[in-house]
Each structure stands twice: as C-alpha cells, then as structure tokens.
Amino acid sequence: MFLRLILMRHAKSSWKKLVSDHDRDLNKRGYLSAATMGNWLRKNDFIPDESLISTSKRTKETFKELKIKSKKVQFLSNLYHPNLQEMLDALKSAQGKTVLIISHNTACAEFAEKLANVPPNHERFYDFPTCATWVADFNIDSWRDVQFGTAKTVAFVIPREVICADELKYPNP
C-alpha cells in the first residue's frame, strides 16, 4: 500500500491592508495561482481524502480557491509558521490515504527536502515559491510510520509553469 502527500505553500498574499500577518488576504495573482493549481490537481487526479490547513487567512483562501472536495478538512494552528516537528506531527496525525497540507515557508521547503529520498530536478524546489506544490508517495500503511528520506517524488510544479503550459499534465520528474 502507498500513501500520498500533497504539500502546498499558500498562494501569493497581499500587503495592501495594515493587518496582522495571520490575517493577510491573497492578492489577485494569489487567487489566480490557487485556482490554477486546483485545476492542475483535478486534471492529474491528485484529490486529497484529508486536508490539513494552517489557520491563516491566506492558507484558508488558497484552499477555498482550489475548489477541491476533501472528505475531512482541519484548520490547524500548529501549521501556521510551523517548525519541522510540528509539520511531521500534523502529518503523522492524518488518517487519509491522500493528504493535502497547506502551510508556509520556510517550513514547506524544509519539510519537502527532509522527506524526499531524491529531490525533484527543479531549480525552485529548495525555495518553494508561493503556491508551489509537491506530490510524493510513501510505501507505508499508516502516516504514523512516516520517516524523513522516504518520499518518492511524483510531481513538483509552480503556478507559473502550469499557467504557461498548453496542457496541465505534468511529465515525470
């Protein structure tokens, strides 16, 4: 059996309003990127059973704009600017076969790098730009058994590549 992780950084946020970091909205590009990545997820049949989302406004808006149906959705405060252990704990608590996590950098980049047995051949993987999405498979039966260095990359994309592509299918990494 295998389990699948979809790890996404929130879409581009706005700095126009004087609000706390936690309460920042997406900007116009962010809404477009999130919608684009939702289309890409659906076209590639990367649909989560369970979604674990940071409580920030921009991560919630990113999830909403994906327009994907997930059987279980949790908004977790420990995914707001988490450390690696908080990311790992959130994933280990998951029950779904395919889990989506939407969080923040630098945690997304560090978490993906630690999980991957071989990182994708992509120049943006290590800085994980806004709305970047990494899909990875694990040869385990339960998320409780997830370990660093065991994820097999299925895909890694950034919105700009998907928007510019003629077709939304992603080639093998």
C-alpha atoms as a PDB file:
ATOM      1  CA  MET A   1       0.000   0.000   0.000  1.00  0.00           C
ATOM      2  CA  PHE A   2       1.120   3.566  -0.512  1.00  0.00           C
ATOM      3  CA  LEU A   3       0.095   6.899   0.944  1.00  0.00           C
ATOM      4  CA  ARG A   4       0.300  10.192  -0.938  1.00  0.00           C
ATOM      5  CA  LEU A   5       1.185  13.655   0.340  1.00  0.00           C
ATOM      6  CA  ILE A   6       0.328  16.851  -1.497  1.00  0.00           C
ATOM      7  CA  LEU A   7       2.359  19.637   0.099  1.00  0.00           C
ATOM      8  CA  MET A   8       1.489  23.178  -0.962  1.00  0.00           C
ATOM      9  CA  ARG A   9       2.671  26.585   0.113  1.00  0.00           C
ATOM     10  CA  HIS A  10      -0.094  29.179   0.298  1.00  0.00           C
ATOM     11  CA  ALA A  11      -0.672  31.403  -2.733  1.00  0.00           C
ATOM     12  CA  LYS A  12       0.682  34.957  -3.020  1.00  0.00           C
ATOM     13  CA  SER A  13      -0.661  37.254  -0.315  1.00  0.00           C
ATOM     14  CA  SER A  14      -1.465  40.933  -0.289  1.00  0.00           C
ATOM     15  CA  TRP A  15       0.373  43.574   1.694  1.00  0.00           C
ATOM     16  CA  LYS A  16      -2.145  46.371   0.912  1.00  0.00           C
ATOM     17  CA  LYS A  17      -4.076  46.302   4.200  1.00  0.00           C
ATOM     18  CA  LEU A  18      -2.487  47.003   7.561  1.00  0.00           C
ATOM     19  CA  VAL A  19      -3.415  43.715   9.223  1.00  0.00           C
ATOM     20  CA  SER A  20      -1.527  41.109  11.193  1.00  0.00           C
ATOM     21  CA  ASP A  21       0.494  38.543   9.256  1.00  0.00           C
ATOM     22  CA  HIS A  22      -2.073  35.889  10.193  1.00  0.00           C
ATOM     23  CA  ASP A  23      -4.918  37.923   8.646  1.00  0.00           C
ATOM     24  CA  ARG A  24      -3.435  38.809   5.248  1.00  0.00           C
ATOM     25  CA  ASP A  25      -5.620  38.111   2.172  1.00  0.00           C
ATOM     26  CA  LEU A  26      -4.486  36.692  -1.134  1.00  0.00           C
ATOM     27  CA  ASN A  27      -3.700  39.204  -3.859  1.00  0.00           C
ATOM     28  CA  LYS A  28      -5.003  38.979  -7.431  1.00  0.00           C
ATOM     29  CA  ARG A  29      -2.088  36.769  -8.525  1.00  0.00           C
ATOM     30  CA  GLY A  30      -2.650  34.554  -5.487  1.00  0.00           C
ATOM     31  CA  TYR A  31      -6.286  33.900  -6.397  1.00  0.00           C
ATOM     32  CA  LEU A  32      -5.272  33.060  -9.979  1.00  0.00           C
ATOM     33  CA  SER A  33      -2.462  30.758  -8.818  1.00  0.00           C
ATOM     34  CA  ALA A  34      -4.684  28.877  -6.364  1.00  0.00           C
ATOM     35  CA  ALA A  35      -7.407  28.367  -8.992  1.00  0.00           C
ATOM     36  CA  THR A  36      -4.773  27.213 -11.491  1.00  0.00           C
ATOM     37  CA  MET A  37      -3.297  24.724  -9.040  1.00  0.00           C
ATOM     38  CA  GLY A  38      -6.776  23.412  -8.217  1.00  0.00           C
ATOM     39  CA  ASN A  39      -7.326  22.735 -11.924  1.00  0.00           C
ATOM     40  CA  TRP A  40      -3.939  21.022 -12.102  1.00  0.00           C
ATOM     41  CA  LEU A  41      -4.745  18.833  -9.086  1.00  0.00           C
ATOM     42  CA  ARG A  42      -8.088  17.769 -10.590  1.00  0.00           C
ATOM     43  CA  LYS A  43      -6.636  17.125 -14.092  1.00  0.00           C
ATOM     44  CA  ASN A  44      -3.977  14.885 -12.567  1.00  0.00           C
ATOM     45  CA  ASP A  45      -6.387  13.176 -10.150  1.00  0.00           C
ATOM     46  CA  PHE A  46      -4.440  14.402  -7.114  1.00  0.00           C
ATOM     47  CA  ILE A  47      -7.505  14.726  -4.885  1.00  0.00           C
ATOM     48  CA  PRO A  48      -6.987  14.538  -1.116  1.00  0.00           C
ATOM     49  CA  ASP A  49      -9.120  12.482   1.249  1.00  0.00           C
ATOM     50  CA  GLU A  50      -7.945  14.722   4.066  1.00  0.00           C
ATOM     51  CA  SER A  51      -6.704  18.312   4.122  1.00  0.00           C
ATOM     52  CA  LEU A  52      -4.646  19.894   6.901  1.00  0.00           C
ATOM     53  CA  ILE A  53      -4.587  23.669   6.549  1.00  0.00           C
ATOM     54  CA  SER A  54      -2.888  26.417   8.528  1.00  0.00           C
ATOM     55  CA  THR A  55      -5.324  28.760  10.287  1.00  0.00           C
ATOM     56  CA  SER A  56      -4.024  31.858   8.476  1.00  0.00           C
ATOM     57  CA  LYS A  57      -6.423  33.692   6.189  1.00  0.00           C
ATOM     58  CA  ARG A  58      -4.175  33.233   3.124  1.00  0.00           C
ATOM     59  CA  THR A  59      -3.949  29.439   3.572  1.00  0.00           C
ATOM     60  CA  LYS A  60      -7.719  29.176   4.058  1.00  0.00           C
ATOM     61  CA  GLU A  61      -8.301  31.296   0.927  1.00  0.00           C
ATOM     62  CA  THR A  62      -5.795  29.184  -1.021  1.00  0.00           C
ATOM     63  CA  PHE A  63      -7.675  26.031  -0.036  1.00  0.00           C
ATOM     64  CA  LYS A  64     -11.045  27.580  -0.919  1.00  0.00           C
ATOM     65  CA  GLU A  65      -9.806  28.680  -4.366  1.00  0.00           C
ATOM     66  CA  LEU A  66      -8.517  25.171  -5.164  1.00  0.00           C
ATOM     67  CA  LYS A  67     -12.191  24.126  -5.351  1.00  0.00           C
ATOM     68  CA  ILE A  68     -11.443  20.528  -4.431  1.00  0.00           C
ATOM     69  CA  LYS A  69     -13.618  18.347  -2.259  1.00  0.00           C
ATOM     70  CA  SER A  70     -11.866  16.690   0.635  1.00  0.00           C
ATOM     71  CA  LYS A  71     -13.725  14.266   2.924  1.00  0.00           C
ATOM     72  CA  LYS A  72     -12.044  15.710   6.004  1.00  0.00           C
ATOM     73  CA  VAL A  73     -10.693  19.252   6.462  1.00  0.00           C
ATOM     74  CA  GLN A  74      -8.882  20.513   9.540  1.00  0.00           C
ATOM     75  CA  PHE A  75      -7.566  24.011  10.176  1.00  0.00           C
ATOM     76  CA  LEU A  76      -4.576  23.621  12.479  1.00  0.00           C
ATOM     77  CA  SER A  77      -2.900  26.450  14.361  1.00  0.00           C
ATOM     78  CA  ASN A  78       0.321  24.425  14.597  1.00  0.00           C
ATOM     79  CA  LEU A  79       0.653  24.687  10.775  1.00  0.00           C
ATOM     80  CA  TYR A  80       0.923  28.495  10.996  1.00  0.00           C
ATOM     81  CA  HIS A  81       4.686  29.083  10.578  1.00  0.00           C
ATOM     82  CA  PRO A  82       5.496  25.618  11.938  1.00  0.00           C
ATOM     83  CA  ASN A  83       8.828  24.010  12.651  1.00  0.00           C
ATOM     84  CA  LEU A  84       9.745  20.633  11.137  1.00  0.00           C
ATOM     85  CA  GLN A  85       8.495  18.674  14.133  1.00  0.00           C
ATOM     86  CA  GLU A  86       5.089  20.382  14.009  1.00  0.00           C
ATOM     87  CA  MET A  87       4.811  19.570  10.286  1.00  0.00           C
ATOM     88  CA  LEU A  88       5.756  15.949  10.957  1.00  0.00           C
ATOM     89  CA  ASP A  89       3.334  15.675  13.895  1.00  0.00           C
ATOM     90  CA  ALA A  90       0.485  17.045  11.754  1.00  0.00           C
ATOM     91  CA  LEU A  91       1.211  14.521   9.006  1.00  0.00           C
ATOM     92  CA  LYS A  92       1.525  11.656  11.486  1.00  0.00           C
ATOM     93  CA  SER A  93      -1.941  12.516  12.820  1.00  0.00           C
ATOM     94  CA  ALA A  94      -3.532  12.160   9.362  1.00  0.00           C
ATOM     95  CA  GLN A  95      -5.864   9.289   8.505  1.00  0.00           C
ATOM     96  CA  GLY A  96      -6.487   9.786   4.777  1.00  0.00           C
ATOM     97  CA  LYS A  97      -4.771   7.878   2.000  1.00  0.00           C
ATOM     98  CA  THR A  98      -4.041  11.145   0.176  1.00  0.00           C
ATOM     99  CA  VAL A  99      -3.328  14.125   2.417  1.00  0.00           C
ATOM    100  CA  LEU A 100      -3.036  17.778   1.431  1.00  0.00           C
ATOM    101  CA  ILE A 101      -1.073  20.119   3.695  1.00  0.00           C
ATOM    102  CA  ILE A 102      -1.163  23.870   3.024  1.00  0.00           C
ATOM    103  CA  SER A 103       1.281  25.823   5.135  1.00  0.00           C
ATOM    104  CA  HIS A 104       4.048  28.427   4.989  1.00  0.00           C
ATOM    105  CA  ASN A 105       7.717  28.783   4.168  1.00  0.00           C
ATOM    106  CA  THR A 106      10.370  28.091   5.269  1.00  0.00           C
ATOM    107  CA  ALA A 107       8.652  25.055   6.717  1.00  0.00           C
ATOM    108  CA  CYS A 108       7.288  23.743   3.386  1.00  0.00           C
ATOM    109  CA  ALA A 109      10.682  23.853   1.693  1.00  0.00           C
ATOM    110  CA  GLU A 110      12.499  22.271   4.644  1.00  0.00           C
ATOM    111  CA  PHE A 111       9.836  19.599   5.157  1.00  0.00           C
ATOM    112  CA  ALA A 112       9.820  18.563   1.497  1.00  0.00           C
ATOM    113  CA  GLU A 113      13.612  18.470   1.381  1.00  0.00           C
ATOM    114  CA  LYS A 114      13.775  16.277   4.501  1.00  0.00           C
ATOM    115  CA  LEU A 115      11.046  13.903   3.307  1.00  0.00           C
ATOM    116  CA  ALA A 116      12.300  13.340  -0.254  1.00  0.00           C
ATOM    117  CA  ASN A 117      14.525  10.338  -0.856  1.00  0.00           C
ATOM    118  CA  VAL A 118      15.574  12.034  -4.123  1.00  0.00           C
ATOM    119  CA  PRO A 119      14.527  15.649  -4.642  1.00  0.00           C
ATOM    120  CA  PRO A 120      12.895  16.579  -7.940  1.00  0.00           C
ATOM    121  CA  ASN A 121      15.125  18.029 -10.619  1.00  0.00           C
ATOM    122  CA  HIS A 122      13.629  21.504 -10.319  1.00  0.00           C
ATOM    123  CA  GLU A 123      15.506  24.712  -9.548  1.00  0.00           C
ATOM    124  CA  ARG A 124      12.657  26.067  -7.363  1.00  0.00           C
ATOM    125  CA  PHE A 125      12.201  23.022  -5.109  1.00  0.00           C
ATOM    126  CA  TYR A 126      14.517  24.347  -2.401  1.00  0.00           C
ATOM    127  CA  ASP A 127      12.883  27.774  -2.099  1.00  0.00           C
ATOM    128  CA  PHE A 128       9.288  26.526  -2.629  1.00  0.00           C
ATOM    129  CA  PRO A 129       7.709  29.692  -4.075  1.00  0.00           C
ATOM    130  CA  THR A 130       4.124  30.683  -3.338  1.00  0.00           C
ATOM    131  CA  CYS A 131       1.587  28.007  -4.299  1.00  0.00           C
ATOM    132  CA  ALA A 132       4.365  25.564  -5.208  1.00  0.00           C
ATOM    133  CA  THR A 133       3.029  22.017  -4.971  1.00  0.00           C
ATOM    134  CA  TRP A 134       4.942  18.815  -4.308  1.00  0.00           C
ATOM    135  CA  VAL A 135       3.255  15.428  -4.663  1.00  0.00           C
ATOM    136  CA  ALA A 136       5.025  12.471  -3.099  1.00  0.00           C
ATOM    137  CA  ASP A 137       4.277   8.814  -2.394  1.00  0.00           C
ATOM    138  CA  PHE A 138       5.272   6.795   0.653  1.00  0.00           C
ATOM    139  CA  ASN A 139       5.414   2.997   0.810  1.00  0.00           C
ATOM    140  CA  ILE A 140       3.738   2.797   4.233  1.00  0.00           C
ATOM    141  CA  ASP A 141       0.348   1.722   5.599  1.00  0.00           C
ATOM    142  CA  SER A 142      -0.079   4.486   8.175  1.00  0.00           C
ATOM    143  CA  TRP A 143       1.077   8.101   8.433  1.00  0.00           C
ATOM    144  CA  ARG A 144       2.280   7.257  11.949  1.00  0.00           C
ATOM    145  CA  ASP A 145       5.126   5.380  10.220  1.00  0.00           C
ATOM    146  CA  VAL A 146       6.306   8.270   8.015  1.00  0.00           C
ATOM    147  CA  GLN A 147      10.043   8.950   8.173  1.00  0.00           C
ATOM    148  CA  PHE A 148      12.335  11.532   6.631  1.00  0.00           C
ATOM    149  CA  GLY A 149      14.097  10.474   3.442  1.00  0.00           C
ATOM    150  CA  THR A 150      11.402   8.025   2.323  1.00  0.00           C
ATOM    151  CA  ALA A 151       9.186  10.028  -0.051  1.00  0.00           C
ATOM    152  CA  LYS A 152       9.187   9.280  -3.769  1.00  0.00           C
ATOM    153  CA  THR A 153       8.523  12.415  -5.778  1.00  0.00           C
ATOM    154  CA  VAL A 154       5.583  12.151  -8.148  1.00  0.00           C
ATOM    155  CA  ALA A 155       5.475  15.802  -9.224  1.00  0.00           C
ATOM    156  CA  PHE A 156       6.645  19.282  -8.316  1.00  0.00           C
ATOM    157  CA  VAL A 157       5.179  22.342 -10.014  1.00  0.00           C
ATOM    158  CA  ILE A 158       4.867  26.063  -9.559  1.00  0.00           C
ATOM    159  CA  PRO A 159       1.843  28.026 -10.808  1.00  0.00           C
ATOM    160  CA  ARG A 160       3.747  29.919 -13.498  1.00  0.00           C
ATOM    161  CA  GLU A 161       4.651  26.638 -15.236  1.00  0.00           C
ATOM    162  CA  VAL A 162       1.087  25.378 -15.087  1.00  0.00           C
ATOM    163  CA  ILE A 163      -0.368  28.674 -16.336  1.00  0.00           C
ATOM    164  CA  CYS A 164       2.091  28.728 -19.245  1.00  0.00           C
ATOM    165  CA  ALA A 165       1.635  25.068 -20.159  1.00  0.00           C
ATOM    166  CA  ASP A 166      -0.567  24.121 -23.095  1.00  0.00           C
ATOM    167  CA  GLU A 167      -1.694  21.038 -21.186  1.00  0.00           C
ATOM    168  CA  LEU A 168      -1.993  20.625 -17.424  1.00  0.00           C
ATOM    169  CA  LYS A 169      -0.500  17.121 -17.333  1.00  0.00           C
ATOM    170  CA  TYR A 170       2.836  17.068 -15.572  1.00  0.00           C
ATOM    171  CA  PRO A 171       5.664  14.962 -17.043  1.00  0.00           C
ATOM    172  CA  ASN A 172       7.506  12.519 -14.825  1.00  0.00           C
ATOM    173  CA  PRO A 173      10.190  14.277 -12.708  1.00  0.00           C
END
